Amino acid sequence: MTLPFPQVKPGDLIVKIEYIGVNFIDTCFRKGLYPLDHFPATIGEEAAGIVVALPADPEVLESPSYKRQRFVAGMAVPVVGPHLSLDQWQVNHPRSLQTTMGTDQTYISIPWSCAFPTRGVSTKIAAASITQVATAITFMSEAYTVSPGDTVFMHTIAGGLGFIFTQYAKYLGARVRKSGVGQE
């Protein structure tokens, strides 16, 4: 399927996709386990690529949060879909799950808040790990704030998420205990 260049919104970045991440939810959409709300539809929840255009909205450009990210054309960024809250989702899509972004294409227009400067991480690694990294950060800062000296138990450390959890916990100064196969 050939898609037109995405409609650019004033607060969005334009990103040329180099790699996509494929996760379990993508396979569910592909198999038809979750119905899509429109066709044709481009699936994909995460990807990584190169910023080719910056937002044009003056309000965005002056935002301290935007400025803190230091976006520039040519920089590498992983991107994730802008997810709706459960209430918003139920109002907008009462009978279907909707892929939130459609990253499986050459160019995307994405809110700048859904892109993350990598600074030294390749787009290949970024696309493969953005959801797992976000999961680790969320669990270790929102579910429980891991602090230096804490002991963290990782079950089934052998998988990609287990390795990322372990690395992040150690970075935060925690002692890691594990089950499953893998290096600590």
N, C-alpha and C. Protein backbone atom coordinates (compact mmCIF):
# COMPACT_ATOMS: atom_id res chain seq x y z
N MET A 1 0.85 -1.16 0.00
CA MET A 1 0.00 0.00 0.00
C MET A 1 0.90 1.24 0.00
N THR A 2 0.64 2.16 -0.88
CA THR A 2 1.37 3.42 -0.92
C THR A 2 0.56 4.48 -0.18
N LEU A 3 1.21 5.12 0.78
CA LEU A 3 0.54 6.14 1.57
C LEU A 3 1.02 7.52 1.17
N PRO A 4 0.14 8.51 1.23
CA PRO A 4 0.59 9.87 0.95
C PRO A 4 1.46 10.38 2.09
N PHE A 5 2.19 11.44 1.85
CA PHE A 5 2.97 12.07 2.90
C PHE A 5 2.00 12.46 4.01
N PRO A 6 2.36 12.24 5.28
CA PRO A 6 1.40 12.51 6.36
C PRO A 6 1.00 13.98 6.44
N GLN A 7 -0.22 14.20 6.88
CA GLN A 7 -0.70 15.56 7.13
C GLN A 7 0.09 16.11 8.31
N VAL A 8 0.74 17.24 8.11
CA VAL A 8 1.59 17.81 9.14
C VAL A 8 0.79 18.77 10.00
N LYS A 9 0.85 18.55 11.31
CA LYS A 9 0.20 19.46 12.26
C LYS A 9 1.26 20.42 12.79
N PRO A 10 0.88 21.65 13.12
CA PRO A 10 1.87 22.67 13.52
C PRO A 10 2.73 22.30 14.73
N GLY A 11 2.22 21.46 15.64
CA GLY A 11 2.99 21.09 16.82
C GLY A 11 3.76 19.80 16.69
N ASP A 12 3.80 19.24 15.48
CA ASP A 12 4.41 17.93 15.28
C ASP A 12 5.82 18.01 14.72
N LEU A 13 6.57 16.94 14.98
CA LEU A 13 7.83 16.69 14.29
C LEU A 13 7.51 15.82 13.08
N ILE A 14 8.29 15.94 12.03
CA ILE A 14 8.23 14.98 10.93
C ILE A 14 9.45 14.09 11.08
N VAL A 15 9.22 12.79 11.13
CA VAL A 15 10.30 11.83 11.33
C VAL A 15 10.32 10.86 10.16
N LYS A 16 11.50 10.68 9.58
CA LYS A 16 11.70 9.66 8.55
C LYS A 16 12.08 8.38 9.28
N ILE A 17 11.22 7.38 9.18
CA ILE A 17 11.40 6.15 9.94
C ILE A 17 12.51 5.30 9.32
N GLU A 18 13.39 4.81 10.19
CA GLU A 18 14.46 3.90 9.77
C GLU A 18 14.19 2.47 10.24
N TYR A 19 13.66 2.33 11.46
CA TYR A 19 13.37 1.02 12.02
C TYR A 19 12.04 1.08 12.76
N ILE A 20 11.33 -0.04 12.76
CA ILE A 20 10.10 -0.15 13.54
C ILE A 20 10.30 -1.19 14.63
N GLY A 21 9.57 -1.03 15.72
CA GLY A 21 9.56 -2.04 16.76
C GLY A 21 8.30 -2.86 16.60
N VAL A 22 8.41 -4.16 16.75
CA VAL A 22 7.25 -5.04 16.66
C VAL A 22 7.07 -5.70 18.02
N ASN A 23 5.90 -5.46 18.59
CA ASN A 23 5.58 -6.03 19.89
C ASN A 23 4.32 -6.87 19.79
N PHE A 24 3.97 -7.49 20.91
CA PHE A 24 2.83 -8.41 20.92
C PHE A 24 1.56 -7.76 20.39
N ILE A 25 1.29 -6.51 20.78
CA ILE A 25 0.06 -5.88 20.33
C ILE A 25 0.00 -5.75 18.81
N ASP A 26 1.15 -5.55 18.17
CA ASP A 26 1.18 -5.47 16.71
C ASP A 26 0.74 -6.79 16.09
N THR A 27 1.14 -7.90 16.68
CA THR A 27 0.72 -9.20 16.14
C THR A 27 -0.77 -9.41 16.35
N CYS A 28 -1.31 -8.88 17.44
CA CYS A 28 -2.76 -9.00 17.68
C CYS A 28 -3.56 -8.24 16.63
N PHE A 29 -3.11 -7.02 16.28
CA PHE A 29 -3.78 -6.27 15.21
C PHE A 29 -3.65 -7.01 13.89
N ARG A 30 -2.46 -7.51 13.61
CA ARG A 30 -2.20 -8.19 12.34
C ARG A 30 -3.07 -9.44 12.19
N LYS A 31 -3.26 -10.17 13.29
CA LYS A 31 -4.08 -11.38 13.25
C LYS A 31 -5.58 -11.09 13.24
N GLY A 32 -5.95 -9.83 13.50
CA GLY A 32 -7.36 -9.47 13.56
C GLY A 32 -8.00 -9.70 14.90
N LEU A 33 -7.20 -9.97 15.93
CA LEU A 33 -7.76 -10.18 17.27
C LEU A 33 -8.35 -8.90 17.83
N TYR A 34 -7.78 -7.76 17.45
CA TYR A 34 -8.33 -6.46 17.82
C TYR A 34 -8.79 -5.78 16.54
N PRO A 35 -10.07 -5.44 16.47
CA PRO A 35 -10.54 -4.78 15.25
C PRO A 35 -10.03 -3.35 15.15
N LEU A 36 -9.74 -2.93 13.94
CA LEU A 36 -9.33 -1.55 13.69
C LEU A 36 -10.56 -0.73 13.37
N ASP A 37 -10.50 0.56 13.63
CA ASP A 37 -11.67 1.41 13.43
C ASP A 37 -11.79 1.97 12.02
N HIS A 38 -10.77 1.77 11.17
CA HIS A 38 -10.85 2.26 9.80
C HIS A 38 -9.89 1.48 8.91
N PHE A 39 -10.15 1.51 7.64
CA PHE A 39 -9.29 0.88 6.63
C PHE A 39 -9.12 1.83 5.47
N PRO A 40 -8.01 1.88 4.77
CA PRO A 40 -6.83 1.09 5.14
C PRO A 40 -6.22 1.64 6.42
N ALA A 41 -5.52 0.78 7.13
CA ALA A 41 -4.91 1.17 8.39
C ALA A 41 -3.44 0.76 8.37
N THR A 42 -2.63 1.61 8.92
CA THR A 42 -1.21 1.30 9.07
C THR A 42 -0.97 1.02 10.53
N ILE A 43 -0.51 -0.19 10.83
CA ILE A 43 -0.27 -0.52 12.23
C ILE A 43 1.12 -0.05 12.65
N GLY A 44 1.40 -0.20 13.91
CA GLY A 44 2.70 0.15 14.44
C GLY A 44 2.56 1.11 15.60
N GLU A 45 3.18 0.76 16.70
CA GLU A 45 3.10 1.55 17.92
C GLU A 45 4.40 2.27 18.24
N GLU A 46 5.50 1.81 17.67
CA GLU A 46 6.78 2.42 17.99
C GLU A 46 7.74 2.27 16.83
N ALA A 47 8.68 3.20 16.78
CA ALA A 47 9.66 3.21 15.70
C ALA A 47 10.80 4.13 16.10
N ALA A 48 11.77 4.25 15.22
CA ALA A 48 12.84 5.22 15.42
C ALA A 48 13.31 5.70 14.06
N GLY A 49 13.71 6.97 14.02
CA GLY A 49 14.16 7.53 12.76
C GLY A 49 14.83 8.87 12.97
N ILE A 50 14.88 9.63 11.91
CA ILE A 50 15.58 10.91 11.89
C ILE A 50 14.57 12.05 11.75
N VAL A 51 14.70 13.07 12.59
CA VAL A 51 13.84 14.25 12.51
C VAL A 51 14.19 15.00 11.22
N VAL A 52 13.17 15.22 10.38
CA VAL A 52 13.40 15.97 9.14
C VAL A 52 12.74 17.34 9.17
N ALA A 53 11.82 17.57 10.09
CA ALA A 53 11.20 18.90 10.23
C ALA A 53 10.73 19.08 11.66
N LEU A 54 10.87 20.31 12.14
CA LEU A 54 10.49 20.68 13.50
C LEU A 54 9.11 21.33 13.51
N PRO A 55 8.47 21.41 14.69
CA PRO A 55 7.17 22.06 14.77
C PRO A 55 7.23 23.50 14.28
N ALA A 56 6.11 23.98 13.77
CA ALA A 56 6.01 25.36 13.29
C ALA A 56 5.21 26.23 14.26
N ASP A 57 4.57 25.63 15.24
CA ASP A 57 3.72 26.35 16.18
C ASP A 57 4.58 27.16 17.16
N PRO A 58 4.49 28.50 17.15
CA PRO A 58 5.31 29.33 18.05
C PRO A 58 5.11 28.98 19.53
N GLU A 59 3.90 28.62 19.91
CA GLU A 59 3.64 28.25 21.31
C GLU A 59 4.46 27.02 21.71
N VAL A 60 4.53 26.02 20.81
CA VAL A 60 5.34 24.82 21.07
C VAL A 60 6.81 25.20 21.16
N LEU A 61 7.28 25.99 20.21
CA LEU A 61 8.70 26.35 20.15
C LEU A 61 9.16 27.12 21.39
N GLU A 62 8.25 27.82 22.05
CA GLU A 62 8.59 28.59 23.25
C GLU A 62 8.37 27.80 24.54
N SER A 63 7.78 26.63 24.44
CA SER A 63 7.49 25.82 25.62
C SER A 63 8.79 25.35 26.29
N PRO A 64 8.92 25.54 27.60
CA PRO A 64 10.12 25.06 28.30
C PRO A 64 10.32 23.55 28.16
N SER A 65 9.23 22.80 28.15
CA SER A 65 9.35 21.34 28.00
C SER A 65 9.91 20.98 26.63
N TYR A 66 9.44 21.66 25.60
CA TYR A 66 9.97 21.42 24.25
C TYR A 66 11.44 21.83 24.17
N LYS A 67 11.76 22.99 24.68
CA LYS A 67 13.15 23.47 24.64
C LYS A 67 14.11 22.53 25.36
N ARG A 68 13.65 21.94 26.46
CA ARG A 68 14.49 21.03 27.24
C ARG A 68 14.93 19.81 26.41
N GLN A 69 14.12 19.41 25.43
CA GLN A 69 14.45 18.24 24.61
C GLN A 69 15.54 18.54 23.58
N ARG A 70 15.73 19.82 23.25
CA ARG A 70 16.75 20.25 22.28
C ARG A 70 16.67 19.51 20.94
N PHE A 71 15.47 19.44 20.39
CA PHE A 71 15.28 18.82 19.08
C PHE A 71 15.97 19.63 18.00
N VAL A 72 16.60 18.95 17.07
CA VAL A 72 17.17 19.58 15.88
C VAL A 72 16.93 18.65 14.70
N ALA A 73 16.78 19.24 13.53
CA ALA A 73 16.65 18.42 12.32
C ALA A 73 17.92 17.60 12.16
N GLY A 74 17.74 16.34 11.81
CA GLY A 74 18.87 15.44 11.62
C GLY A 74 19.17 14.56 12.82
N MET A 75 18.52 14.81 13.96
CA MET A 75 18.80 14.00 15.14
C MET A 75 17.96 12.72 15.12
N ALA A 76 18.48 11.69 15.77
CA ALA A 76 17.78 10.41 15.88
C ALA A 76 16.81 10.46 17.06
N VAL A 77 15.61 9.89 16.85
CA VAL A 77 14.60 9.83 17.92
C VAL A 77 13.81 8.53 17.82
N PRO A 78 13.57 7.86 18.96
CA PRO A 78 12.53 6.84 18.96
C PRO A 78 11.20 7.54 19.17
N VAL A 79 10.13 6.96 18.66
CA VAL A 79 8.80 7.54 18.80
C VAL A 79 7.82 6.47 19.25
N VAL A 80 6.84 6.90 20.04
CA VAL A 80 5.76 6.01 20.47
C VAL A 80 4.44 6.72 20.23
N GLY A 81 3.41 5.94 20.05
CA GLY A 81 2.10 6.52 19.76
C GLY A 81 1.55 7.32 20.91
N PRO A 82 0.83 8.40 20.60
CA PRO A 82 0.19 9.18 21.65
C PRO A 82 -1.03 8.43 22.16
N HIS A 83 -0.93 7.83 23.33
CA HIS A 83 -2.00 6.98 23.85
C HIS A 83 -3.07 7.80 24.55
N LEU A 84 -4.30 7.38 24.38
CA LEU A 84 -5.43 8.03 25.03
C LEU A 84 -5.62 7.45 26.42
N SER A 85 -6.21 8.22 27.31
CA SER A 85 -6.60 7.66 28.60
C SER A 85 -7.76 6.69 28.35
N LEU A 86 -8.02 5.83 29.31
CA LEU A 86 -9.11 4.86 29.15
C LEU A 86 -10.44 5.55 28.89
N ASP A 87 -10.72 6.64 29.61
CA ASP A 87 -11.98 7.36 29.39
C ASP A 87 -12.06 7.92 27.97
N GLN A 88 -10.97 8.53 27.48
CA GLN A 88 -10.97 9.07 26.12
C GLN A 88 -11.14 7.93 25.11
N TRP A 89 -10.49 6.81 25.35
CA TRP A 89 -10.55 5.68 24.44
C TRP A 89 -11.98 5.14 24.35
N GLN A 90 -12.66 5.00 25.49
CA GLN A 90 -14.01 4.46 25.49
C GLN A 90 -14.98 5.39 24.77
N VAL A 91 -14.79 6.70 24.90
CA VAL A 91 -15.66 7.65 24.22
C VAL A 91 -15.42 7.61 22.71
N ASN A 92 -14.15 7.59 22.31
CA ASN A 92 -13.81 7.66 20.88
C ASN A 92 -13.89 6.32 20.16
N HIS A 93 -13.68 5.22 20.87
CA HIS A 93 -13.61 3.91 20.23
C HIS A 93 -14.31 2.87 21.09
N PRO A 94 -15.62 2.97 21.24
CA PRO A 94 -16.32 2.10 22.17
C PRO A 94 -16.25 0.61 21.82
N ARG A 95 -16.04 0.27 20.55
CA ARG A 95 -16.06 -1.15 20.18
C ARG A 95 -14.75 -1.64 19.57
N SER A 96 -13.73 -0.84 19.56
CA SER A 96 -12.50 -1.30 18.92
C SER A 96 -11.28 -0.72 19.60
N LEU A 97 -10.19 -1.42 19.44
CA LEU A 97 -8.90 -0.87 19.82
C LEU A 97 -8.35 -0.20 18.57
N GLN A 98 -7.66 0.86 18.73
CA GLN A 98 -7.12 1.56 17.57
C GLN A 98 -5.61 1.64 17.71
N THR A 99 -4.91 1.28 16.65
CA THR A 99 -3.48 1.52 16.67
C THR A 99 -3.31 3.03 16.75
N THR A 100 -2.47 3.48 17.62
CA THR A 100 -2.46 4.90 17.94
C THR A 100 -1.66 5.74 16.98
N MET A 101 -0.83 5.14 16.15
CA MET A 101 0.00 6.01 15.35
C MET A 101 0.22 5.56 13.93
N GLY A 102 0.49 4.32 13.68
CA GLY A 102 0.80 3.89 12.32
C GLY A 102 2.26 4.15 11.98
N THR A 103 3.16 3.64 12.81
CA THR A 103 4.58 3.90 12.60
C THR A 103 5.19 3.09 11.46
N ASP A 104 4.46 2.11 10.97
CA ASP A 104 5.01 1.24 9.92
C ASP A 104 4.87 1.91 8.56
N GLN A 105 5.51 3.05 8.40
CA GLN A 105 5.51 3.79 7.14
C GLN A 105 6.80 4.61 7.05
N THR A 106 7.03 5.25 5.93
CA THR A 106 8.30 5.93 5.71
C THR A 106 8.42 7.23 6.48
N TYR A 107 7.38 8.05 6.49
CA TYR A 107 7.39 9.33 7.22
C TYR A 107 6.17 9.38 8.13
N ILE A 108 6.35 9.97 9.31
CA ILE A 108 5.23 10.19 10.21
C ILE A 108 5.26 11.62 10.73
N SER A 109 4.08 12.14 11.01
CA SER A 109 3.91 13.41 11.70
C SER A 109 3.48 13.04 13.11
N ILE A 110 4.26 13.43 14.11
CA ILE A 110 4.02 12.97 15.48
C ILE A 110 4.15 14.14 16.45
N PRO A 111 3.28 14.20 17.47
CA PRO A 111 3.48 15.24 18.49
C PRO A 111 4.89 15.14 19.06
N TRP A 112 5.54 16.29 19.25
CA TRP A 112 6.92 16.29 19.74
C TRP A 112 7.05 15.56 21.07
N SER A 113 5.99 15.54 21.88
CA SER A 113 6.05 14.89 23.19
C SER A 113 6.08 13.37 23.11
N CYS A 114 5.93 12.83 21.90
CA CYS A 114 5.98 11.38 21.70
C CYS A 114 7.30 10.95 21.08
N ALA A 115 8.25 11.86 21.01
CA ALA A 115 9.59 11.56 20.47
C ALA A 115 10.62 11.85 21.55
N PHE A 116 11.69 11.08 21.55
CA PHE A 116 12.68 11.17 22.61
C PHE A 116 14.08 11.18 22.02
N PRO A 117 14.81 12.29 22.20
CA PRO A 117 16.18 12.32 21.68
C PRO A 117 17.01 11.19 22.28
N THR A 118 17.77 10.49 21.43
CA THR A 118 18.54 9.34 21.91
C THR A 118 19.96 9.69 22.32
N ARG A 119 20.56 10.63 21.63
CA ARG A 119 21.93 11.06 21.96
C ARG A 119 22.87 9.88 22.20
N GLY A 120 23.23 9.20 21.13
CA GLY A 120 24.21 8.13 21.23
C GLY A 120 23.66 6.73 21.07
N VAL A 121 22.34 6.57 21.07
CA VAL A 121 21.73 5.25 20.87
C VAL A 121 21.29 5.17 19.41
N SER A 122 21.65 4.09 18.74
CA SER A 122 21.28 3.95 17.33
C SER A 122 19.77 3.84 17.18
N THR A 123 19.27 4.20 16.01
CA THR A 123 17.83 4.08 15.76
C THR A 123 17.40 2.62 15.78
N LYS A 124 18.29 1.72 15.42
CA LYS A 124 17.97 0.29 15.44
C LYS A 124 17.70 -0.18 16.88
N ILE A 125 18.59 0.17 17.79
CA ILE A 125 18.41 -0.20 19.20
C ILE A 125 17.22 0.54 19.80
N ALA A 126 17.07 1.81 19.48
CA ALA A 126 15.97 2.61 20.03
C ALA A 126 14.61 2.04 19.63
N ALA A 127 14.45 1.65 18.37
CA ALA A 127 13.17 1.10 17.91
C ALA A 127 12.87 -0.23 18.59
N ALA A 128 13.90 -0.99 18.87
CA ALA A 128 13.70 -2.31 19.46
C ALA A 128 13.44 -2.26 20.96
N SER A 129 13.70 -1.12 21.60
CA SER A 129 13.65 -1.11 23.06
C SER A 129 12.83 -0.01 23.69
N ILE A 130 12.22 0.89 22.94
CA ILE A 130 11.56 2.04 23.55
C ILE A 130 10.43 1.64 24.50
N THR A 131 9.61 0.67 24.15
CA THR A 131 8.52 0.27 25.04
C THR A 131 9.07 -0.38 26.30
N GLN A 132 10.09 -1.22 26.15
CA GLN A 132 10.67 -1.89 27.31
C GLN A 132 11.34 -0.89 28.25
N VAL A 133 12.06 0.08 27.69
CA VAL A 133 12.71 1.10 28.52
C VAL A 133 11.66 1.93 29.25
N ALA A 134 10.60 2.33 28.55
CA ALA A 134 9.54 3.11 29.18
C ALA A 134 8.87 2.30 30.30
N THR A 135 8.70 1.01 30.08
CA THR A 135 8.12 0.14 31.11
C THR A 135 9.01 0.11 32.35
N ALA A 136 10.30 -0.07 32.16
CA ALA A 136 11.23 -0.13 33.30
C ALA A 136 11.23 1.19 34.07
N ILE A 137 11.31 2.29 33.36
CA ILE A 137 11.34 3.59 34.03
C ILE A 137 10.04 3.83 34.79
N THR A 138 8.91 3.50 34.18
CA THR A 138 7.62 3.70 34.84
C THR A 138 7.50 2.85 36.10
N PHE A 139 7.84 1.57 35.99
CA PHE A 139 7.73 0.69 37.15
C PHE A 139 8.65 1.13 38.29
N MET A 140 9.86 1.59 37.94
CA MET A 140 10.83 1.92 38.99
C MET A 140 10.77 3.37 39.46
N SER A 141 9.81 4.12 38.92
CA SER A 141 9.64 5.48 39.41
C SER A 141 8.20 5.76 39.85
N GLU A 142 7.24 5.09 39.26
CA GLU A 142 5.84 5.33 39.62
C GLU A 142 5.25 4.23 40.48
N ALA A 143 5.49 2.97 40.13
CA ALA A 143 4.95 1.87 40.95
C ALA A 143 5.68 1.81 42.28
N TYR A 144 6.97 1.98 42.23
CA TYR A 144 7.82 2.04 43.42
C TYR A 144 9.08 2.80 43.04
N THR A 145 9.47 3.76 43.83
CA THR A 145 10.67 4.53 43.54
C THR A 145 11.88 3.76 44.05
N VAL A 146 12.62 3.17 43.12
CA VAL A 146 13.82 2.41 43.47
C VAL A 146 14.92 3.39 43.86
N SER A 147 15.55 3.14 45.00
CA SER A 147 16.58 4.03 45.54
C SER A 147 17.88 3.25 45.76
N PRO A 148 19.00 3.97 45.89
CA PRO A 148 20.26 3.29 46.19
C PRO A 148 20.13 2.45 47.45
N GLY A 149 20.65 1.22 47.41
CA GLY A 149 20.59 0.32 48.55
C GLY A 149 19.38 -0.59 48.57
N ASP A 150 18.34 -0.30 47.77
CA ASP A 150 17.17 -1.19 47.70
C ASP A 150 17.60 -2.53 47.11
N THR A 151 16.90 -3.58 47.48
CA THR A 151 17.08 -4.88 46.84
C THR A 151 15.87 -5.12 45.95
N VAL A 152 16.15 -5.42 44.70
CA VAL A 152 15.08 -5.63 43.71
C VAL A 152 15.18 -7.06 43.21
N PHE A 153 14.05 -7.79 43.23
CA PHE A 153 14.02 -9.16 42.71
C PHE A 153 13.46 -9.14 41.30
N MET A 154 14.19 -9.70 40.36
CA MET A 154 13.76 -9.78 38.96
C MET A 154 13.44 -11.24 38.64
N HIS A 155 12.21 -11.48 38.28
CA HIS A 155 11.79 -12.82 37.88
C HIS A 155 11.92 -12.94 36.36
N THR A 156 12.41 -14.06 35.91
CA THR A 156 12.66 -14.33 34.48
C THR A 156 13.49 -13.22 33.83
N ILE A 157 14.68 -13.09 34.34
CA ILE A 157 15.59 -12.04 33.89
C ILE A 157 16.13 -12.29 32.48
N ALA A 158 15.93 -13.47 31.93
CA ALA A 158 16.55 -13.84 30.65
C ALA A 158 16.02 -13.05 29.45
N GLY A 159 14.84 -12.51 29.53
CA GLY A 159 14.29 -11.79 28.38
C GLY A 159 14.81 -10.37 28.26
N GLY A 160 14.47 -9.72 27.15
CA GLY A 160 14.91 -8.36 26.91
C GLY A 160 14.45 -7.39 27.97
N LEU A 161 13.19 -7.49 28.40
CA LEU A 161 12.68 -6.61 29.45
C LEU A 161 13.41 -6.86 30.77
N GLY A 162 13.67 -8.12 31.07
CA GLY A 162 14.40 -8.45 32.30
C GLY A 162 15.79 -7.83 32.32
N PHE A 163 16.48 -7.89 31.20
CA PHE A 163 17.81 -7.29 31.13
C PHE A 163 17.74 -5.77 31.32
N ILE A 164 16.75 -5.13 30.70
CA ILE A 164 16.62 -3.67 30.83
C ILE A 164 16.26 -3.30 32.27
N PHE A 165 15.33 -4.05 32.89
CA PHE A 165 15.00 -3.81 34.29
C PHE A 165 16.25 -3.91 35.17
N THR A 166 17.04 -4.95 34.94
CA THR A 166 18.25 -5.17 35.73
C THR A 166 19.24 -4.03 35.57
N GLN A 167 19.49 -3.63 34.34
CA GLN A 167 20.44 -2.55 34.09
C GLN A 167 19.97 -1.25 34.74
N TYR A 168 18.69 -0.96 34.62
CA TYR A 168 18.17 0.29 35.17
C TYR A 168 18.20 0.26 36.70
N ALA A 169 17.84 -0.88 37.29
CA ALA A 169 17.87 -0.99 38.75
C ALA A 169 19.30 -0.78 39.27
N LYS A 170 20.27 -1.37 38.60
CA LYS A 170 21.67 -1.18 39.01
C LYS A 170 22.09 0.27 38.82
N TYR A 171 21.67 0.89 37.74
CA TYR A 171 21.97 2.30 37.49
C TYR A 171 21.44 3.16 38.64
N LEU A 172 20.27 2.79 39.17
CA LEU A 172 19.67 3.53 40.27
C LEU A 172 20.30 3.20 41.62
N GLY A 173 21.24 2.24 41.64
CA GLY A 173 21.95 1.91 42.87
C GLY A 173 21.36 0.75 43.65
N ALA A 174 20.44 0.00 43.06
CA ALA A 174 19.81 -1.12 43.75
C ALA A 174 20.66 -2.39 43.60
N ARG A 175 20.51 -3.28 44.58
CA ARG A 175 21.08 -4.63 44.47
C ARG A 175 20.04 -5.47 43.75
N VAL A 176 20.47 -6.30 42.80
CA VAL A 176 19.53 -7.08 42.01
C VAL A 176 19.67 -8.57 42.33
N ARG A 177 18.55 -9.20 42.63
CA ARG A 177 18.48 -10.64 42.79
C ARG A 177 17.60 -11.14 41.67
N LYS A 178 17.90 -12.33 41.15
CA LYS A 178 17.22 -12.76 39.92
C LYS A 178 16.80 -14.21 39.97
N SER A 179 15.88 -14.54 39.06
CA SER A 179 15.54 -15.93 38.77
C SER A 179 15.64 -16.09 37.26
N GLY A 180 15.68 -17.30 36.80
CA GLY A 180 15.83 -17.51 35.36
C GLY A 180 17.29 -17.47 34.97
N VAL A 181 17.53 -17.54 33.69
CA VAL A 181 18.89 -17.60 33.18
C VAL A 181 19.32 -16.22 32.73
N GLY A 182 20.56 -15.90 32.89
CA GLY A 182 21.09 -14.62 32.42
C GLY A 182 22.14 -14.09 33.35
N GLN A 183 22.88 -13.14 32.87
CA GLN A 183 23.92 -12.54 33.70
C GLN A 183 23.31 -11.42 34.53
N GLU A 184 23.82 -11.27 35.73
CA GLU A 184 23.33 -10.21 36.61
C GLU A 184 23.93 -8.89 36.23
